[in-house]
Amino acid sequence: MNRTILLPAFLLLFFAAGAVAAETQKPLPLGELPDFTISRGAPLYQRYCLFCHGASGAGDGPAGLSLATPPAHLGLIINKRSRKQLGAVILTGGRPNGLNPSMPGFDKTLSARQVEELLDFLRELGGRQDNPG
């Protein structure tokens, strides 16, 4: 193929991809959330949350049943807290946020992207629309 054709085609593709990437940086409503972000959050939930919060998020996981203060029922609190508040609890734990002191923080374990994926999954688990803030 001619090089004079390849360069403009490459540039067009490059800028089109950049425009699409910039457009996807905006938060999406639940109905428009890509399935892959929810599916990436599911294994994170299974690994870090399920043991205390249980499979459905009801706070009835095997470890949660033995705690002095039971873990939160995620389906009940997900609608009462903003995404920012929930992220803070995941990262820093319950005590600094005035919640269950048994809830550990995962700031040394989860990346910011993983927290976002986990929040997407929790939003789906709780069947909620996002609470801005």
Protein backbone atom coordinates (compact mmCIF):
# COMPACT_ATOMS: atom_id res chain seq x y z
CA MET A 1 0.00 0.00 0.00
CA ASN A 2 1.12 3.52 -0.67
CA ARG A 3 2.67 5.37 2.30
CA THR A 4 0.77 8.55 1.45
CA ILE A 5 -2.47 6.69 2.06
CA LEU A 6 -1.33 4.87 5.21
CA LEU A 7 -0.32 7.98 7.17
CA PRO A 8 -3.65 9.83 6.81
CA ALA A 9 -5.54 6.61 7.55
CA PHE A 10 -3.45 6.03 10.68
CA LEU A 11 -3.95 9.62 11.86
CA LEU A 12 -7.69 9.42 11.30
CA LEU A 13 -7.88 6.17 13.26
CA PHE A 14 -5.65 7.59 16.03
CA PHE A 15 -7.76 10.72 16.54
CA ALA A 16 -11.04 8.82 16.28
CA ALA A 17 -9.87 6.41 18.98
CA GLY A 18 -8.84 9.34 21.17
CA ALA A 19 -12.26 10.95 20.78
CA VAL A 20 -13.98 7.69 21.73
CA ALA A 21 -11.68 7.26 24.76
CA ALA A 22 -12.35 10.82 25.93
CA GLU A 23 -16.09 10.26 25.60
CA THR A 24 -15.96 7.07 27.69
CA GLN A 25 -14.29 8.85 30.63
CA LYS A 26 -17.64 10.29 31.74
CA PRO A 27 -19.54 8.35 34.44
CA LEU A 28 -22.30 6.21 33.01
CA PRO A 29 -25.80 5.68 34.40
CA LEU A 30 -26.48 2.13 35.59
CA GLY A 31 -28.46 1.21 32.47
CA GLU A 32 -25.52 2.17 30.26
CA LEU A 33 -22.81 0.57 32.39
CA PRO A 34 -20.70 -1.87 30.38
CA ASP A 35 -21.09 -5.45 31.57
CA PHE A 36 -17.32 -5.90 31.74
CA THR A 37 -16.96 -3.44 34.64
CA ILE A 38 -19.58 -5.33 36.61
CA SER A 39 -17.96 -8.66 35.76
CA ARG A 40 -14.54 -7.32 36.84
CA GLY A 41 -16.01 -6.27 40.17
CA ALA A 42 -17.55 -9.69 40.86
CA PRO A 43 -14.26 -11.52 41.52
CA LEU A 44 -13.09 -8.61 43.67
CA TYR A 45 -16.27 -8.93 45.73
CA GLN A 46 -15.79 -12.69 46.01
CA ARG A 47 -12.20 -12.28 47.14
CA TYR A 48 -12.47 -9.33 49.54
CA CYS A 49 -16.11 -8.91 50.60
CA LEU A 50 -18.03 -12.17 50.39
CA PHE A 51 -16.45 -13.73 53.48
CA CYS A 52 -18.08 -11.10 55.71
CA HIS A 53 -20.93 -9.65 53.62
CA GLY A 54 -22.13 -12.95 52.12
CA ALA A 55 -23.04 -13.91 48.56
CA SER A 56 -26.01 -11.55 48.34
CA GLY A 57 -24.45 -8.75 50.39
CA ALA A 58 -26.81 -9.32 53.33
CA GLY A 59 -23.99 -9.34 55.92
CA ASP A 60 -24.38 -13.06 56.47
CA GLY A 61 -21.01 -14.35 55.31
CA PRO A 62 -19.25 -17.03 57.38
CA ALA A 63 -16.83 -14.57 59.04
CA GLY A 64 -19.48 -11.90 59.42
CA LEU A 65 -21.63 -14.14 61.60
CA SER A 66 -18.88 -14.31 64.21
CA LEU A 67 -18.24 -10.56 64.48
CA ALA A 68 -19.47 -8.60 67.51
CA THR A 69 -20.97 -6.01 65.15
CA PRO A 70 -22.43 -7.72 62.07
CA PRO A 71 -21.34 -6.48 58.65
CA ALA A 72 -23.64 -4.09 56.85
CA HIS A 73 -26.41 -5.37 54.62
CA LEU A 74 -25.08 -3.82 51.42
CA GLY A 75 -28.47 -3.82 49.73
CA LEU A 76 -29.76 -1.49 52.45
CA ILE A 77 -26.85 0.95 52.59
CA ILE A 78 -25.97 1.18 48.91
CA ASN A 79 -28.88 3.56 48.33
CA LYS A 80 -28.04 5.72 51.34
CA ARG A 81 -24.40 6.49 50.53
CA SER A 82 -22.81 8.25 47.60
CA ARG A 83 -20.25 6.56 45.42
CA LYS A 84 -17.58 8.75 47.02
CA GLN A 85 -18.64 7.72 50.53
CA LEU A 86 -18.71 4.04 49.61
CA GLY A 87 -15.27 4.31 48.03
CA ALA A 88 -13.92 5.92 51.20
CA VAL A 89 -15.28 3.07 53.31
CA ILE A 90 -13.72 0.47 50.99
CA LEU A 91 -10.36 2.23 51.06
CA THR A 92 -10.09 3.35 54.68
CA GLY A 93 -12.44 0.96 56.50
CA GLY A 94 -15.42 1.43 58.77
CA ARG A 95 -13.91 3.11 61.82
CA PRO A 96 -12.62 6.31 60.10
CA ASN A 97 -16.02 6.70 58.46
CA GLY A 98 -18.07 6.30 61.64
CA LEU A 99 -19.18 2.80 60.68
CA ASN A 100 -18.49 -0.75 61.81
CA PRO A 101 -14.94 -0.84 63.20
CA SER A 102 -14.59 -4.46 62.01
CA MET A 103 -14.65 -3.31 58.38
CA PRO A 104 -11.01 -3.21 57.23
CA GLY A 105 -9.64 -0.73 54.73
CA PHE A 106 -8.28 -1.95 51.40
CA ASP A 107 -6.17 1.06 50.41
CA LYS A 108 -3.03 -1.11 50.38
CA THR A 109 -4.77 -3.90 48.47
CA LEU A 110 -7.07 -2.37 45.83
CA SER A 111 -6.20 0.14 43.14
CA ALA A 112 -8.48 3.09 42.38
CA ARG A 113 -9.67 1.27 39.26
CA GLN A 114 -10.47 -1.88 41.24
CA VAL A 115 -12.49 0.19 43.73
CA GLU A 116 -14.47 1.64 40.82
CA GLU A 117 -15.09 -1.85 39.43
CA LEU A 118 -16.13 -3.08 42.87
CA LEU A 119 -18.51 -0.13 43.24
CA ASP A 120 -20.03 -0.95 39.83
CA PHE A 121 -20.61 -4.49 41.01
CA LEU A 122 -22.06 -3.36 44.35
CA ARG A 123 -24.40 -0.99 42.55
CA GLU A 124 -25.61 -3.89 40.44
CA LEU A 125 -25.86 -6.17 43.49
CA GLY A 126 -27.95 -3.56 45.27
CA GLY A 127 -30.05 -2.84 42.18
CA ARG A 128 -29.60 0.89 42.55
CA GLN A 129 -29.14 3.99 40.54
CA ASP A 130 -26.01 5.87 41.54
CA ASN A 131 -26.33 8.43 44.32
CA PRO A 132 -24.21 11.38 43.13
CA GLY A 133 -21.72 12.96 45.47
